[in-house]
Structures are given as C-alpha cells and as structure tokens.
Amino acid sequence: MEALISRITAAGPPAKRPPHIWFAELSLRSIVLLLGLALIAGCDRQKPEAPQANEANATAAAPDIVEKGVDRSQAGKAAPPTIFQDPDGGDISIAQFKGVPTLVNLWATWCGPCIKELPTLDKLAASHAVDGQLGVISVSQDTSDQKAVKDFLANLGVKDIGAYHDSSMALSSALGVQTMPTTVLYGSDGKEIWRYIGDLDWTGPEAQKLLSEAK
C-alpha cells in the first residue's frame, strides 16, 4: 500500500499523471472511503464476501449506509415470536422475557464493533443479576454451531449475557436488522422502546440515559 501511494505521489500533479496512475489513485480513494463508512455504520448482517475484482463491482456491491445511533421508528411494536436457542440449546423467544424490561443485542463473532461492546453488555447484565430490573441477552447471528459461540464468549471473558444463538438469523430478519450490532430495548409489556444501531459503551452515561426509559 505504501509503495502504491509513493508511486502515485511521484507521478506529479493529477493533470500530468498517466491514465493508469490516475485510475489507481481513484481506486485507492474509493477503497478508503468504503472502509471508513463501514467503520461508522457497523457490520453488514451477512458476513462480508471477498473483495470484488474491480472498482465498479465493489461499488455496486456496497451495502446501504446506516447511521449509527438511536432509532425510534419501530417504537410500540410487539416483539416477534421468532424462536432461537437459549444457552442450554432449548427453544426460546423474546416473548418469554415479558414482564421485565429486556435489552436484546444482535451480534456475530466476525463483527468487530460487536466484539468491542460485548464486555460492557456483560457488565450491564451482571449489575442487574440480583435486582432483576433489566434483562440483558446477546443473540449470536453466527451460522456456526452454538458450541463455537460459547467458546468464543468464554475466551472473551463474557459470561453473564449467555450464549444465545440464532444460526438461521431469523431474529434479525424478523426485526428488519441489516447492521450489527443492533440492540433493542423492550419494555415490560413486550413492546419495543428504541433500538440502537452500532456499538456503544453500555456502562457509559449515554447508555444510562437511554436505559432510564426502561419500564
């Protein structure tokens, strides 16, 4: 990469650069832009495929840009009856948490922003383990088996949110989630209050202000 940049710089001002140097610079700028946008928005719900052979295909395959932050457009909607696996491998749905405000996090082992925030979610879950005022679960959207998810969380030192698993990604589909991590807060009535797109420090002041809406 450094060699390419040096080659472009040495070629002189854009007007004097040969066509192949100009195209290389354009491609480099496009790649940097796409990477920057990906870091801002989070991870696409589907595991990223290998880079395309040329810039045109890469641009066409780029996902829609999703803005990081709070989304209240789905507020008031009841949790879907979608079945996924609890940490013991049994069937469970969000409806079974009705009666207690519950934070539902959708994540994947290959998603960097997801991994970044998991320890803070784990601390949040531990802080409510006794008082029971807020349930916190993280549902893996990995297509691998549940044991792989358990091992991943164990290696990360995460233990209080449990290895919930949805290998078919049915829950993210039912919720219309395209970017991970996405975290949805449900009230004790089982209806959505808000969803947060992208990673967040769930022990920080922004999260505390948002979670104060749980009831």
Protein backbone atom coordinates (compact mmCIF):
# COMPACT_ATOMS: atom_id res chain seq x y z
CA MET A 1 0.00 0.00 0.00
CA GLU A 2 2.82 2.42 0.90
CA ALA A 3 4.56 1.59 -2.38
CA LEU A 4 1.39 2.40 -4.32
CA ILE A 5 0.95 5.74 -2.55
CA SER A 6 4.58 6.65 -3.19
CA ARG A 7 4.19 5.77 -6.86
CA ILE A 8 1.11 7.96 -7.17
CA THR A 9 2.79 10.89 -5.41
CA ALA A 10 5.91 10.64 -7.55
CA ALA A 11 3.80 10.83 -10.70
CA GLY A 12 3.21 14.55 -10.11
CA PRO A 13 0.01 16.65 -10.24
CA PRO A 14 -3.20 14.89 -11.44
CA ALA A 15 -3.11 16.66 -14.83
CA LYS A 16 0.33 15.20 -15.60
CA ARG A 17 -0.28 11.68 -14.37
CA PRO A 18 -0.63 8.79 -16.85
CA PRO A 19 -4.15 7.23 -17.04
CA HIS A 20 -3.14 4.07 -15.13
CA ILE A 21 -1.75 6.18 -12.24
CA TRP A 22 -4.91 8.29 -12.14
CA PHE A 23 -7.09 5.16 -12.04
CA ALA A 24 -5.01 3.66 -9.23
CA GLU A 25 -5.45 6.83 -7.18
CA LEU A 26 -9.22 6.79 -7.77
CA SER A 27 -9.45 3.14 -6.73
CA LEU A 28 -7.40 3.77 -3.59
CA ARG A 29 -9.59 6.70 -2.56
CA SER A 30 -12.75 4.65 -3.15
CA ILE A 31 -11.47 1.79 -1.02
CA VAL A 32 -10.52 4.12 1.85
CA LEU A 33 -13.96 5.78 1.67
CA LEU A 34 -15.81 2.47 1.78
CA LEU A 35 -13.74 1.25 4.72
CA GLY A 36 -14.40 4.47 6.61
CA LEU A 37 -18.15 4.20 6.08
CA ALA A 38 -18.14 0.57 7.20
CA LEU A 39 -16.47 1.51 10.49
CA ILE A 40 -19.05 4.24 11.12
CA ALA A 41 -22.13 2.15 10.44
CA GLY A 42 -21.12 -1.24 11.85
CA CYS A 43 -21.16 -4.68 10.20
CA ASP A 44 -23.48 -5.83 7.45
CA ARG A 45 -25.81 -8.58 8.68
CA GLN A 46 -24.33 -11.04 6.19
CA LYS A 47 -20.68 -11.95 6.65
CA PRO A 48 -18.69 -9.85 4.13
CA GLU A 49 -17.67 -11.63 0.95
CA ALA A 50 -14.24 -11.45 -0.69
CA PRO A 51 -13.43 -8.09 -2.38
CA GLN A 52 -14.67 -7.71 -5.93
CA ALA A 53 -12.29 -7.91 -8.86
CA ASN A 54 -12.71 -4.29 -9.86
CA GLU A 55 -13.91 -0.98 -8.53
CA ALA A 56 -17.20 -0.98 -10.43
CA ASN A 57 -18.30 -4.30 -8.93
CA ALA A 58 -17.16 -3.25 -5.45
CA THR A 59 -19.20 -0.06 -5.66
CA ALA A 60 -22.28 -1.93 -6.87
CA ALA A 61 -21.97 -4.47 -4.02
CA ALA A 62 -21.58 -1.85 -1.26
CA PRO A 63 -24.40 -2.03 1.35
CA ASP A 64 -26.68 0.89 2.10
CA ILE A 65 -25.17 3.25 4.66
CA VAL A 66 -26.90 3.02 8.05
CA GLU A 67 -26.44 5.84 10.50
CA LYS A 68 -25.17 4.91 13.95
CA GLY A 69 -27.33 5.87 16.91
CA VAL A 70 -30.85 5.61 18.33
CA ASP A 71 -33.74 4.62 16.08
CA ARG A 72 -37.29 5.06 17.43
CA SER A 73 -39.12 4.33 14.19
CA GLN A 74 -40.21 0.88 15.45
CA ALA A 75 -41.30 2.03 18.92
CA GLY A 76 -44.52 0.39 20.12
CA LYS A 77 -44.15 -2.77 18.05
CA ALA A 78 -44.52 -6.07 19.87
CA ALA A 79 -41.53 -8.39 19.95
CA PRO A 80 -41.66 -11.02 17.18
CA PRO A 81 -42.49 -14.61 18.17
CA THR A 82 -39.29 -15.82 16.49
CA ILE A 83 -37.66 -18.86 18.10
CA PHE A 84 -33.93 -19.02 18.81
CA GLN A 85 -31.77 -21.06 21.19
CA ASP A 86 -31.13 -20.30 24.85
CA PRO A 87 -27.67 -21.00 26.36
CA ASP A 88 -28.70 -24.61 27.03
CA GLY A 89 -29.79 -25.19 23.42
CA GLY A 90 -33.52 -25.06 24.15
CA ASP A 91 -36.10 -23.03 22.23
CA ILE A 92 -36.90 -19.54 23.47
CA SER A 93 -38.37 -16.27 22.19
CA ILE A 94 -38.28 -12.66 23.34
CA ALA A 95 -41.91 -13.03 24.43
CA GLN A 96 -40.73 -15.23 27.30
CA PHE A 97 -38.99 -12.22 28.86
CA LYS A 98 -42.24 -10.26 29.03
CA GLY A 99 -42.79 -8.74 32.47
CA VAL A 100 -39.23 -7.41 32.75
CA PRO A 101 -37.63 -4.69 30.57
CA THR A 102 -35.16 -6.52 28.35
CA LEU A 103 -32.22 -5.42 26.23
CA VAL A 104 -31.73 -7.70 23.23
CA ASN A 105 -28.39 -7.43 21.43
CA LEU A 106 -27.78 -8.95 17.98
CA TRP A 107 -24.15 -9.69 17.24
CA ALA A 108 -21.71 -12.01 15.43
CA THR A 109 -18.23 -13.32 16.17
CA TRP A 110 -16.83 -11.83 12.92
CA CYS A 111 -18.16 -8.33 13.68
CA GLY A 112 -15.50 -6.07 15.22
CA PRO A 113 -17.87 -3.43 16.70
CA CYS A 114 -19.94 -6.27 18.22
CA ILE A 115 -16.91 -7.73 19.98
CA LYS A 116 -15.87 -4.29 21.19
CA GLU A 117 -19.12 -3.69 23.09
CA LEU A 118 -19.75 -7.23 24.42
CA PRO A 119 -17.74 -6.77 27.65
CA THR A 120 -19.76 -3.65 28.51
CA LEU A 121 -23.01 -5.53 27.90
CA ASP A 122 -21.72 -8.30 30.14
CA LYS A 123 -21.02 -5.79 32.93
CA LEU A 124 -24.51 -4.33 32.48
CA ALA A 125 -26.05 -7.80 32.78
CA ALA A 126 -24.00 -8.55 35.91
CA SER A 127 -25.12 -5.29 37.53
CA HIS A 128 -28.77 -6.38 37.24
CA ALA A 129 -28.28 -10.06 38.07
CA VAL A 130 -29.62 -9.55 41.60
CA ASP A 131 -32.18 -6.74 41.31
CA GLY A 132 -33.80 -8.17 38.17
CA GLN A 133 -34.80 -4.71 36.94
CA LEU A 134 -33.36 -5.27 33.46
CA GLY A 135 -32.77 -8.40 31.43
CA VAL A 136 -29.78 -8.38 29.07
CA ILE A 137 -29.25 -11.02 26.39
CA SER A 138 -26.99 -11.16 23.33
CA VAL A 139 -28.17 -13.36 20.48
CA SER A 140 -25.43 -14.55 18.13
CA GLN A 141 -26.32 -14.47 14.44
CA ASP A 142 -23.45 -16.80 13.53
CA THR A 143 -24.20 -19.73 11.23
CA SER A 144 -21.67 -21.87 13.10
CA ASP A 145 -22.80 -24.22 15.89
CA GLN A 146 -23.63 -22.99 19.37
CA LYS A 147 -20.54 -24.55 20.96
CA ALA A 148 -18.34 -22.28 18.83
CA VAL A 149 -20.25 -19.26 20.16
CA LYS A 150 -19.87 -20.47 23.76
CA ASP A 151 -16.15 -20.97 23.28
CA PHE A 152 -15.80 -17.52 21.74
CA LEU A 153 -17.56 -15.83 24.67
CA ALA A 154 -15.52 -17.84 27.17
CA ASN A 155 -12.26 -16.75 25.53
CA LEU A 156 -13.51 -13.16 25.65
CA GLY A 157 -14.29 -13.47 29.36
CA VAL A 158 -18.01 -12.83 28.80
CA LYS A 159 -20.30 -14.95 30.99
CA ASP A 160 -23.37 -13.06 32.23
CA ILE A 161 -25.20 -12.45 28.94
CA GLY A 162 -25.25 -16.13 27.95
CA ALA A 163 -24.60 -17.81 24.60
CA TYR A 164 -28.00 -17.26 22.97
CA HIS A 165 -27.86 -18.39 19.36
CA ASP A 166 -29.79 -17.89 16.12
CA SER A 167 -27.91 -19.73 13.36
CA SER A 168 -30.58 -19.00 10.75
CA MET A 169 -30.55 -15.25 11.54
CA ALA A 170 -34.32 -15.46 11.81
CA LEU A 171 -34.48 -12.90 14.62
CA SER A 172 -32.51 -10.24 12.76
CA SER A 173 -34.73 -10.86 9.73
CA ALA A 174 -37.92 -10.56 11.78
CA LEU A 175 -36.67 -7.28 13.27
CA GLY A 176 -35.52 -5.91 9.91
CA VAL A 177 -31.94 -5.58 11.15
CA GLN A 178 -29.33 -5.03 8.44
CA THR A 179 -26.42 -3.81 10.56
CA MET A 180 -24.78 -5.36 13.60
CA PRO A 181 -24.53 -4.76 16.36
CA THR A 182 -28.11 -3.66 16.81
CA THR A 183 -29.54 -3.59 20.32
CA VAL A 184 -33.27 -3.36 21.01
CA LEU A 185 -34.86 -2.30 24.30
CA TYR A 186 -38.21 -3.89 25.11
CA GLY A 187 -40.46 -2.67 27.89
CA SER A 188 -42.04 -4.99 30.43
CA ASP A 189 -45.10 -5.03 28.14
CA GLY A 190 -43.03 -6.72 25.43
CA LYS A 191 -43.09 -3.72 23.10
CA GLU A 192 -40.08 -2.00 21.56
CA ILE A 193 -38.99 1.30 23.09
CA TRP A 194 -35.97 2.01 20.86
CA ARG A 195 -33.13 0.31 19.07
CA TYR A 196 -29.50 1.37 18.96
CA ILE A 197 -27.57 0.75 15.75
CA GLY A 198 -23.83 0.29 16.13
CA ASP A 199 -21.64 -0.30 19.17
CA LEU A 200 -21.96 1.58 22.45
CA ASP A 201 -20.34 1.54 25.86
CA TRP A 202 -23.32 0.12 27.77
CA THR A 203 -21.83 1.20 31.10
CA GLY A 204 -21.36 4.82 30.00
CA PRO A 205 -23.52 7.94 30.50
CA GLU A 206 -25.20 7.79 27.07
CA ALA A 207 -26.36 4.23 27.71
CA GLN A 208 -27.52 5.08 31.24
CA LYS A 209 -29.67 7.90 29.90
CA LEU A 210 -31.23 5.64 27.28
CA LEU A 211 -31.79 2.77 29.71
CA SER A 212 -33.61 5.11 32.10
CA GLU A 213 -36.53 4.78 29.65
CA ALA A 214 -36.90 1.08 30.52
CA LYS A 215 -40.13 0.38 32.34
